[in-house]
């Protein structure tokens, strides 16, 4: 595993210590790695949304009504068992 030396501001250091003292985490490394995992997940979710928006924009304007779209989603979810 890679090791790194980082500088942390006093308020952030206090927060990290409080996380360890609350027994939420067992070490500073656990806290930092958890924050990085969450940031990476958030970044992946944002990228997925961005790609979906681009795909939607590229697909052009729909002639379907809002009701048509809602019914289509309901039907699709019934077929795949998520509704």
C-alpha atoms as a PDB file:
ATOM      1  CA  UNK A   1       0.000   0.000   0.000  1.00  0.00           C
ATOM      2  CA  UNK A   2       1.306   3.470  -0.835  1.00  0.00           C
ATOM      3  CA  UNK A   3       2.232   5.797   1.987  1.00  0.00           C
ATOM      4  CA  UNK A   4       1.799   9.562   1.845  1.00  0.00           C
ATOM      5  CA  UNK A   5       2.566  12.465   4.099  1.00  0.00           C
ATOM      6  CA  UNK A   6      -0.073  15.193   4.089  1.00  0.00           C
ATOM      7  CA  UNK A   7      -0.662  18.421   5.974  1.00  0.00           C
ATOM      8  CA  UNK A   8      -4.054  18.877   7.592  1.00  0.00           C
ATOM      9  CA  UNK A   9      -5.539  22.092   8.933  1.00  0.00           C
ATOM     10  CA  UNK A  10      -6.250  22.201  12.680  1.00  0.00           C
ATOM     11  CA  UNK A  11     -10.063  22.049  12.260  1.00  0.00           C
ATOM     12  CA  UNK A  12      -9.767  19.038   9.932  1.00  0.00           C
ATOM     13  CA  UNK A  13      -7.300  17.375  12.296  1.00  0.00           C
ATOM     14  CA  UNK A  14      -9.732  17.866  15.187  1.00  0.00           C
ATOM     15  CA  UNK A  15     -12.536  16.346  13.114  1.00  0.00           C
ATOM     16  CA  UNK A  16     -10.408  13.336  12.183  1.00  0.00           C
ATOM     17  CA  UNK A  17      -9.500  12.814  15.838  1.00  0.00           C
ATOM     18  CA  UNK A  18     -13.176  13.013  16.810  1.00  0.00           C
ATOM     19  CA  UNK A  19     -13.997  10.306  14.252  1.00  0.00           C
ATOM     20  CA  UNK A  20     -11.366   8.042  15.761  1.00  0.00           C
ATOM     21  CA  UNK A  21     -12.418   8.842  19.351  1.00  0.00           C
ATOM     22  CA  UNK A  22     -16.046   8.027  18.495  1.00  0.00           C
ATOM     23  CA  UNK A  23     -14.758   4.638  17.307  1.00  0.00           C
ATOM     24  CA  UNK A  24     -16.257   5.275  13.878  1.00  0.00           C
ATOM     25  CA  UNK A  25     -12.758   4.653  12.493  1.00  0.00           C
ATOM     26  CA  UNK A  26      -9.686   3.015  13.966  1.00  0.00           C
ATOM     27  CA  UNK A  27      -7.014   5.246  12.417  1.00  0.00           C
ATOM     28  CA  UNK A  28      -6.316   8.421  10.463  1.00  0.00           C
ATOM     29  CA  UNK A  29      -5.697   6.281   7.391  1.00  0.00           C
ATOM     30  CA  UNK A  30      -9.162   4.745   7.696  1.00  0.00           C
ATOM     31  CA  UNK A  31     -10.751   8.204   7.852  1.00  0.00           C
ATOM     32  CA  UNK A  32      -8.808   9.539   4.874  1.00  0.00           C
ATOM     33  CA  UNK A  33      -9.399   6.415   2.771  1.00  0.00           C
ATOM     34  CA  UNK A  34     -13.136   6.554   3.531  1.00  0.00           C
ATOM     35  CA  UNK A  35     -13.280  10.201   2.443  1.00  0.00           C
ATOM     36  CA  UNK A  36     -11.427   9.376  -0.768  1.00  0.00           C
ATOM     37  CA  UNK A  37     -13.774   6.441  -1.501  1.00  0.00           C
ATOM     38  CA  UNK A  38     -16.795   8.708  -0.999  1.00  0.00           C
ATOM     39  CA  UNK A  39     -15.305  11.423  -3.223  1.00  0.00           C
ATOM     40  CA  UNK A  40     -14.543   8.866  -5.951  1.00  0.00           C
ATOM     41  CA  UNK A  41     -18.080   7.462  -5.765  1.00  0.00           C
ATOM     42  CA  UNK A  42     -19.536  10.964  -5.974  1.00  0.00           C
ATOM     43  CA  UNK A  43     -17.310  11.737  -8.955  1.00  0.00           C
ATOM     44  CA  UNK A  44     -18.448   8.522 -10.690  1.00  0.00           C
ATOM     45  CA  UNK A  45     -22.105   9.423 -10.060  1.00  0.00           C
ATOM     46  CA  UNK A  46     -21.608  12.932 -11.426  1.00  0.00           C
ATOM     47  CA  UNK A  47     -19.901  11.498 -14.516  1.00  0.00           C
ATOM     48  CA  UNK A  48     -22.790   9.064 -15.066  1.00  0.00           C
ATOM     49  CA  UNK A  49     -25.291  11.928 -14.843  1.00  0.00           C
ATOM     50  CA  UNK A  50     -23.189  14.041 -17.201  1.00  0.00           C
ATOM     51  CA  UNK A  51     -23.050  11.227 -19.753  1.00  0.00           C
ATOM     52  CA  UNK A  52     -26.813  10.652 -19.461  1.00  0.00           C
ATOM     53  CA  UNK A  53     -27.441  14.348 -20.045  1.00  0.00           C
ATOM     54  CA  UNK A  54     -25.196  14.347 -23.104  1.00  0.00           C
ATOM     55  CA  UNK A  55     -26.956  11.240 -24.446  1.00  0.00           C
ATOM     56  CA  UNK A  56     -30.315  12.913 -23.866  1.00  0.00           C
ATOM     57  CA  UNK A  57     -29.252  16.112 -25.601  1.00  0.00           C
ATOM     58  CA  UNK A  58     -27.868  14.169 -28.551  1.00  0.00           C
ATOM     59  CA  UNK A  59     -31.065  12.151 -28.936  1.00  0.00           C
ATOM     60  CA  UNK A  60     -32.980  15.259 -29.968  1.00  0.00           C
ATOM     61  CA  UNK A  61     -36.397  16.591 -29.064  1.00  0.00           C
ATOM     62  CA  UNK A  62     -39.095  14.061 -28.229  1.00  0.00           C
ATOM     63  CA  UNK A  63     -42.609  14.216 -29.614  1.00  0.00           C
ATOM     64  CA  UNK A  64     -43.904  12.204 -26.651  1.00  0.00           C
ATOM     65  CA  UNK A  65     -46.076  13.873 -24.034  1.00  0.00           C
ATOM     66  CA  UNK A  66     -45.112  13.782 -20.343  1.00  0.00           C
ATOM     67  CA  UNK A  67     -47.883  11.198 -19.876  1.00  0.00           C
ATOM     68  CA  UNK A  68     -46.420   9.034 -22.656  1.00  0.00           C
ATOM     69  CA  UNK A  69     -43.009   9.155 -20.989  1.00  0.00           C
ATOM     70  CA  UNK A  70     -44.419   8.295 -17.556  1.00  0.00           C
ATOM     71  CA  UNK A  71     -46.419   5.389 -18.973  1.00  0.00           C
ATOM     72  CA  UNK A  72     -43.355   4.129 -20.832  1.00  0.00           C
ATOM     73  CA  UNK A  73     -41.272   4.142 -17.651  1.00  0.00           C
ATOM     74  CA  UNK A  74     -44.027   2.373 -15.701  1.00  0.00           C
ATOM     75  CA  UNK A  75     -44.361  -0.295 -18.384  1.00  0.00           C
ATOM     76  CA  UNK A  76     -40.599  -0.807 -18.574  1.00  0.00           C
ATOM     77  CA  UNK A  77     -40.355  -1.198 -14.795  1.00  0.00           C
ATOM     78  CA  UNK A  78     -43.241  -3.645 -14.716  1.00  0.00           C
ATOM     79  CA  UNK A  79     -41.474  -5.768 -17.348  1.00  0.00           C
ATOM     80  CA  UNK A  80     -38.134  -5.778 -15.535  1.00  0.00           C
ATOM     81  CA  UNK A  81     -39.729  -6.335 -12.114  1.00  0.00           C
ATOM     82  CA  UNK A  82     -38.644  -3.091 -10.475  1.00  0.00           C
ATOM     83  CA  UNK A  83     -42.219  -1.872 -10.012  1.00  0.00           C
END
